């Protein structure tokens, strides 16, 4: 599967670097005084420095959770999902939605958790015990 490229706004490059490189373990690629490329689990994530926004976050209800409408993330193998959850907890990273199993007992059963980066971008990390169910309905 080809890697994707995603560019997102951040309001503080050093804080973004500490979060993506330090907390998530993403390697740094090219940099500029106004942006940083990260290897985001095999994909290219570019954070671009912008001014502060209004911070409003819209949500939709998903299996009882208020999920941020604007978010991105990756699907990890179950053991990596658990390890990342533990790593973030040990670093004191606050969960927007803590690690839990969504759609339990259904075809879309998945582990999920959400965090925000220092600029308020919402990230979801999910996992399926049966990866073949990623697109099942």
C-alpha atoms as a PDB file:
ATOM      1  CA  UNK A   1       0.000   0.000   0.000  1.00  0.00           C
ATOM      2  CA  UNK A   2       1.464   3.383  -0.947  1.00  0.00           C
ATOM      3  CA  UNK A   3       2.128   5.846   1.863  1.00  0.00           C
ATOM      4  CA  UNK A   4      -0.125   8.877   2.175  1.00  0.00           C
ATOM      5  CA  UNK A   5       0.934  12.488   2.650  1.00  0.00           C
ATOM      6  CA  UNK A   6      -0.944  14.727   5.053  1.00  0.00           C
ATOM      7  CA  UNK A   7      -0.204  18.350   5.953  1.00  0.00           C
ATOM      8  CA  UNK A   8      -1.683  19.834   9.119  1.00  0.00           C
ATOM      9  CA  UNK A   9      -1.452  23.204  10.888  1.00  0.00           C
ATOM     10  CA  UNK A  10       0.446  23.654  14.150  1.00  0.00           C
ATOM     11  CA  UNK A  11       0.939  26.770  16.261  1.00  0.00           C
ATOM     12  CA  UNK A  12       4.275  25.794  17.865  1.00  0.00           C
ATOM     13  CA  UNK A  13       6.940  23.874  15.905  1.00  0.00           C
ATOM     14  CA  UNK A  14       9.124  22.906  18.901  1.00  0.00           C
ATOM     15  CA  UNK A  15       6.053  21.559  20.753  1.00  0.00           C
ATOM     16  CA  UNK A  16       4.953  19.667  17.623  1.00  0.00           C
ATOM     17  CA  UNK A  17       8.446  18.201  17.279  1.00  0.00           C
ATOM     18  CA  UNK A  18       8.450  17.106  20.925  1.00  0.00           C
ATOM     19  CA  UNK A  19       5.053  15.437  20.478  1.00  0.00           C
ATOM     20  CA  UNK A  20       5.510  13.704  17.107  1.00  0.00           C
ATOM     21  CA  UNK A  21       9.187  12.813  17.490  1.00  0.00           C
ATOM     22  CA  UNK A  22       9.396  12.474  21.261  1.00  0.00           C
ATOM     23  CA  UNK A  23       6.034  11.083  22.366  1.00  0.00           C
ATOM     24  CA  UNK A  24       5.011   9.184  19.216  1.00  0.00           C
ATOM     25  CA  UNK A  25       8.513   8.192  18.105  1.00  0.00           C
ATOM     26  CA  UNK A  26       8.212   9.569  14.557  1.00  0.00           C
ATOM     27  CA  UNK A  27      11.518  10.140  12.751  1.00  0.00           C
ATOM     28  CA  UNK A  28      12.137  13.618  11.340  1.00  0.00           C
ATOM     29  CA  UNK A  29      12.682  14.102   7.614  1.00  0.00           C
ATOM     30  CA  UNK A  30      13.169  17.461   5.940  1.00  0.00           C
ATOM     31  CA  UNK A  31      12.753  20.625   8.001  1.00  0.00           C
ATOM     32  CA  UNK A  32      12.353  24.331   7.451  1.00  0.00           C
ATOM     33  CA  UNK A  33      11.784  27.212   9.881  1.00  0.00           C
ATOM     34  CA  UNK A  34       8.066  26.955   8.970  1.00  0.00           C
ATOM     35  CA  UNK A  35       7.476  23.189   8.659  1.00  0.00           C
ATOM     36  CA  UNK A  36       8.704  19.708   9.618  1.00  0.00           C
ATOM     37  CA  UNK A  37       8.231  16.387   7.794  1.00  0.00           C
ATOM     38  CA  UNK A  38       7.732  13.314   9.994  1.00  0.00           C
ATOM     39  CA  UNK A  39       7.707   9.615   9.209  1.00  0.00           C
ATOM     40  CA  UNK A  40       4.250   8.960  10.693  1.00  0.00           C
ATOM     41  CA  UNK A  41       4.142   5.153  10.856  1.00  0.00           C
ATOM     42  CA  UNK A  42       5.432   4.890   7.279  1.00  0.00           C
ATOM     43  CA  UNK A  43       3.488   7.893   5.960  1.00  0.00           C
ATOM     44  CA  UNK A  44       4.600  11.468   5.345  1.00  0.00           C
ATOM     45  CA  UNK A  45       3.118  13.934   7.819  1.00  0.00           C
ATOM     46  CA  UNK A  46       4.064  17.579   7.393  1.00  0.00           C
ATOM     47  CA  UNK A  47       3.290  20.066  10.149  1.00  0.00           C
ATOM     48  CA  UNK A  48       3.070  23.690   9.002  1.00  0.00           C
ATOM     49  CA  UNK A  49       3.411  26.647  11.356  1.00  0.00           C
ATOM     50  CA  UNK A  50       0.294  28.852  11.440  1.00  0.00           C
ATOM     51  CA  UNK A  51      -1.205  31.469  13.732  1.00  0.00           C
ATOM     52  CA  UNK A  52      -3.556  30.407  16.522  1.00  0.00           C
ATOM     53  CA  UNK A  53      -7.090  29.448  15.395  1.00  0.00           C
ATOM     54  CA  UNK A  54     -10.383  29.516  17.249  1.00  0.00           C
ATOM     55  CA  UNK A  55      -9.917  25.969  18.600  1.00  0.00           C
ATOM     56  CA  UNK A  56     -13.537  24.938  18.014  1.00  0.00           C
ATOM     57  CA  UNK A  57     -13.859  21.165  17.712  1.00  0.00           C
ATOM     58  CA  UNK A  58     -16.979  19.595  16.238  1.00  0.00           C
ATOM     59  CA  UNK A  59     -17.875  16.058  17.290  1.00  0.00           C
ATOM     60  CA  UNK A  60     -20.146  13.251  16.140  1.00  0.00           C
ATOM     61  CA  UNK A  61     -21.466  10.425  18.290  1.00  0.00           C
ATOM     62  CA  UNK A  62     -19.775   7.095  17.477  1.00  0.00           C
ATOM     63  CA  UNK A  63     -20.710   4.105  19.627  1.00  0.00           C
ATOM     64  CA  UNK A  64     -21.353   6.368  22.625  1.00  0.00           C
ATOM     65  CA  UNK A  65     -18.228   8.549  22.226  1.00  0.00           C
ATOM     66  CA  UNK A  66     -18.047  12.203  21.139  1.00  0.00           C
ATOM     67  CA  UNK A  67     -15.506  11.706  18.344  1.00  0.00           C
ATOM     68  CA  UNK A  68     -13.804  14.800  16.883  1.00  0.00           C
ATOM     69  CA  UNK A  69     -15.005  15.130  13.291  1.00  0.00           C
ATOM     70  CA  UNK A  70     -11.634  16.399  12.088  1.00  0.00           C
ATOM     71  CA  UNK A  71      -9.035  13.804  12.979  1.00  0.00           C
ATOM     72  CA  UNK A  72      -6.512  11.449  11.418  1.00  0.00           C
ATOM     73  CA  UNK A  73      -4.521   8.462  12.564  1.00  0.00           C
ATOM     74  CA  UNK A  74      -3.311   4.996  11.783  1.00  0.00           C
ATOM     75  CA  UNK A  75      -4.411   1.408  12.226  1.00  0.00           C
ATOM     76  CA  UNK A  76      -1.753  -0.538  14.110  1.00  0.00           C
ATOM     77  CA  UNK A  77      -1.270  -4.203  14.938  1.00  0.00           C
ATOM     78  CA  UNK A  78      -2.908  -4.959  18.307  1.00  0.00           C
ATOM     79  CA  UNK A  79       0.358  -5.301  20.260  1.00  0.00           C
ATOM     80  CA  UNK A  80       1.732  -2.033  18.815  1.00  0.00           C
ATOM     81  CA  UNK A  81      -1.556  -0.262  19.646  1.00  0.00           C
ATOM     82  CA  UNK A  82      -1.304  -1.448  23.256  1.00  0.00           C
ATOM     83  CA  UNK A  83       2.381  -0.482  23.470  1.00  0.00           C
ATOM     84  CA  UNK A  84       1.735   3.024  22.096  1.00  0.00           C
ATOM     85  CA  UNK A  85      -1.124   3.500  24.558  1.00  0.00           C
ATOM     86  CA  UNK A  86       1.159   2.517  27.438  1.00  0.00           C
ATOM     87  CA  UNK A  87       3.977   4.739  26.120  1.00  0.00           C
ATOM     88  CA  UNK A  88       1.724   7.791  25.912  1.00  0.00           C
ATOM     89  CA  UNK A  89       0.320   7.115  29.387  1.00  0.00           C
ATOM     90  CA  UNK A  90       3.814   6.811  30.845  1.00  0.00           C
ATOM     91  CA  UNK A  91       4.744  10.182  29.284  1.00  0.00           C
ATOM     92  CA  UNK A  92       1.706  11.874  30.817  1.00  0.00           C
ATOM     93  CA  UNK A  93      -0.008  12.480  27.471  1.00  0.00           C
ATOM     94  CA  UNK A  94      -3.707  13.094  28.155  1.00  0.00           C
ATOM     95  CA  UNK A  95      -6.169  10.973  26.221  1.00  0.00           C
ATOM     96  CA  UNK A  96      -9.045  12.785  24.578  1.00  0.00           C
ATOM     97  CA  UNK A  97     -10.790   9.391  24.556  1.00  0.00           C
ATOM     98  CA  UNK A  98      -8.964   6.690  26.476  1.00  0.00           C
ATOM     99  CA  UNK A  99      -8.071   3.262  25.113  1.00  0.00           C
ATOM    100  CA  UNK A 100     -11.131   1.044  24.819  1.00  0.00           C
ATOM    101  CA  UNK A 101     -12.878  -1.439  22.527  1.00  0.00           C
ATOM    102  CA  UNK A 102     -15.557   0.051  20.289  1.00  0.00           C
ATOM    103  CA  UNK A 103     -18.357  -1.916  18.586  1.00  0.00           C
ATOM    104  CA  UNK A 104     -17.641  -4.855  20.886  1.00  0.00           C
ATOM    105  CA  UNK A 105     -18.933  -8.155  19.503  1.00  0.00           C
ATOM    106  CA  UNK A 106     -19.762  -6.581  16.125  1.00  0.00           C
ATOM    107  CA  UNK A 107     -18.056  -6.923  12.759  1.00  0.00           C
ATOM    108  CA  UNK A 108     -16.318  -3.549  13.250  1.00  0.00           C
ATOM    109  CA  UNK A 109     -14.924  -4.349  16.720  1.00  0.00           C
ATOM    110  CA  UNK A 110     -11.764  -2.306  17.238  1.00  0.00           C
ATOM    111  CA  UNK A 111      -9.487  -0.910  19.875  1.00  0.00           C
ATOM    112  CA  UNK A 112      -9.308   2.874  19.742  1.00  0.00           C
ATOM    113  CA  UNK A 113      -7.969   5.900  21.537  1.00  0.00           C
ATOM    114  CA  UNK A 114      -7.655   9.586  20.730  1.00  0.00           C
ATOM    115  CA  UNK A 115      -5.045  12.164  21.721  1.00  0.00           C
ATOM    116  CA  UNK A 116      -4.486  15.779  20.719  1.00  0.00           C
ATOM    117  CA  UNK A 117      -1.177  17.216  19.653  1.00  0.00           C
ATOM    118  CA  UNK A 118      -0.036  20.474  21.299  1.00  0.00           C
ATOM    119  CA  UNK A 119      -1.866  22.496  18.597  1.00  0.00           C
ATOM    120  CA  UNK A 120      -5.182  20.715  19.168  1.00  0.00           C
ATOM    121  CA  UNK A 121      -5.096  18.356  16.151  1.00  0.00           C
ATOM    122  CA  UNK A 122      -6.973  15.169  17.064  1.00  0.00           C
ATOM    123  CA  UNK A 123      -5.307  11.829  16.287  1.00  0.00           C
ATOM    124  CA  UNK A 124      -6.955   8.408  16.464  1.00  0.00           C
ATOM    125  CA  UNK A 125      -5.008   5.199  16.896  1.00  0.00           C
ATOM    126  CA  UNK A 126      -6.980   2.046  16.289  1.00  0.00           C
ATOM    127  CA  UNK A 127      -6.454  -1.658  15.966  1.00  0.00           C
ATOM    128  CA  UNK A 128      -8.409  -4.728  14.917  1.00  0.00           C
ATOM    129  CA  UNK A 129      -7.709  -8.124  16.417  1.00  0.00           C
ATOM    130  CA  UNK A 130      -8.784  -9.403  12.991  1.00  0.00           C
ATOM    131  CA  UNK A 131      -7.219  -6.977  10.465  1.00  0.00           C
ATOM    132  CA  UNK A 132      -9.407  -8.377   7.649  1.00  0.00           C
ATOM    133  CA  UNK A 133     -12.341  -6.547   9.258  1.00  0.00           C
ATOM    134  CA  UNK A 134     -10.959  -3.057   8.626  1.00  0.00           C
ATOM    135  CA  UNK A 135     -13.448  -2.412   5.794  1.00  0.00           C
ATOM    136  CA  UNK A 136     -16.049  -5.062   6.717  1.00  0.00           C
ATOM    137  CA  UNK A 137     -19.667  -3.993   7.088  1.00  0.00           C
END
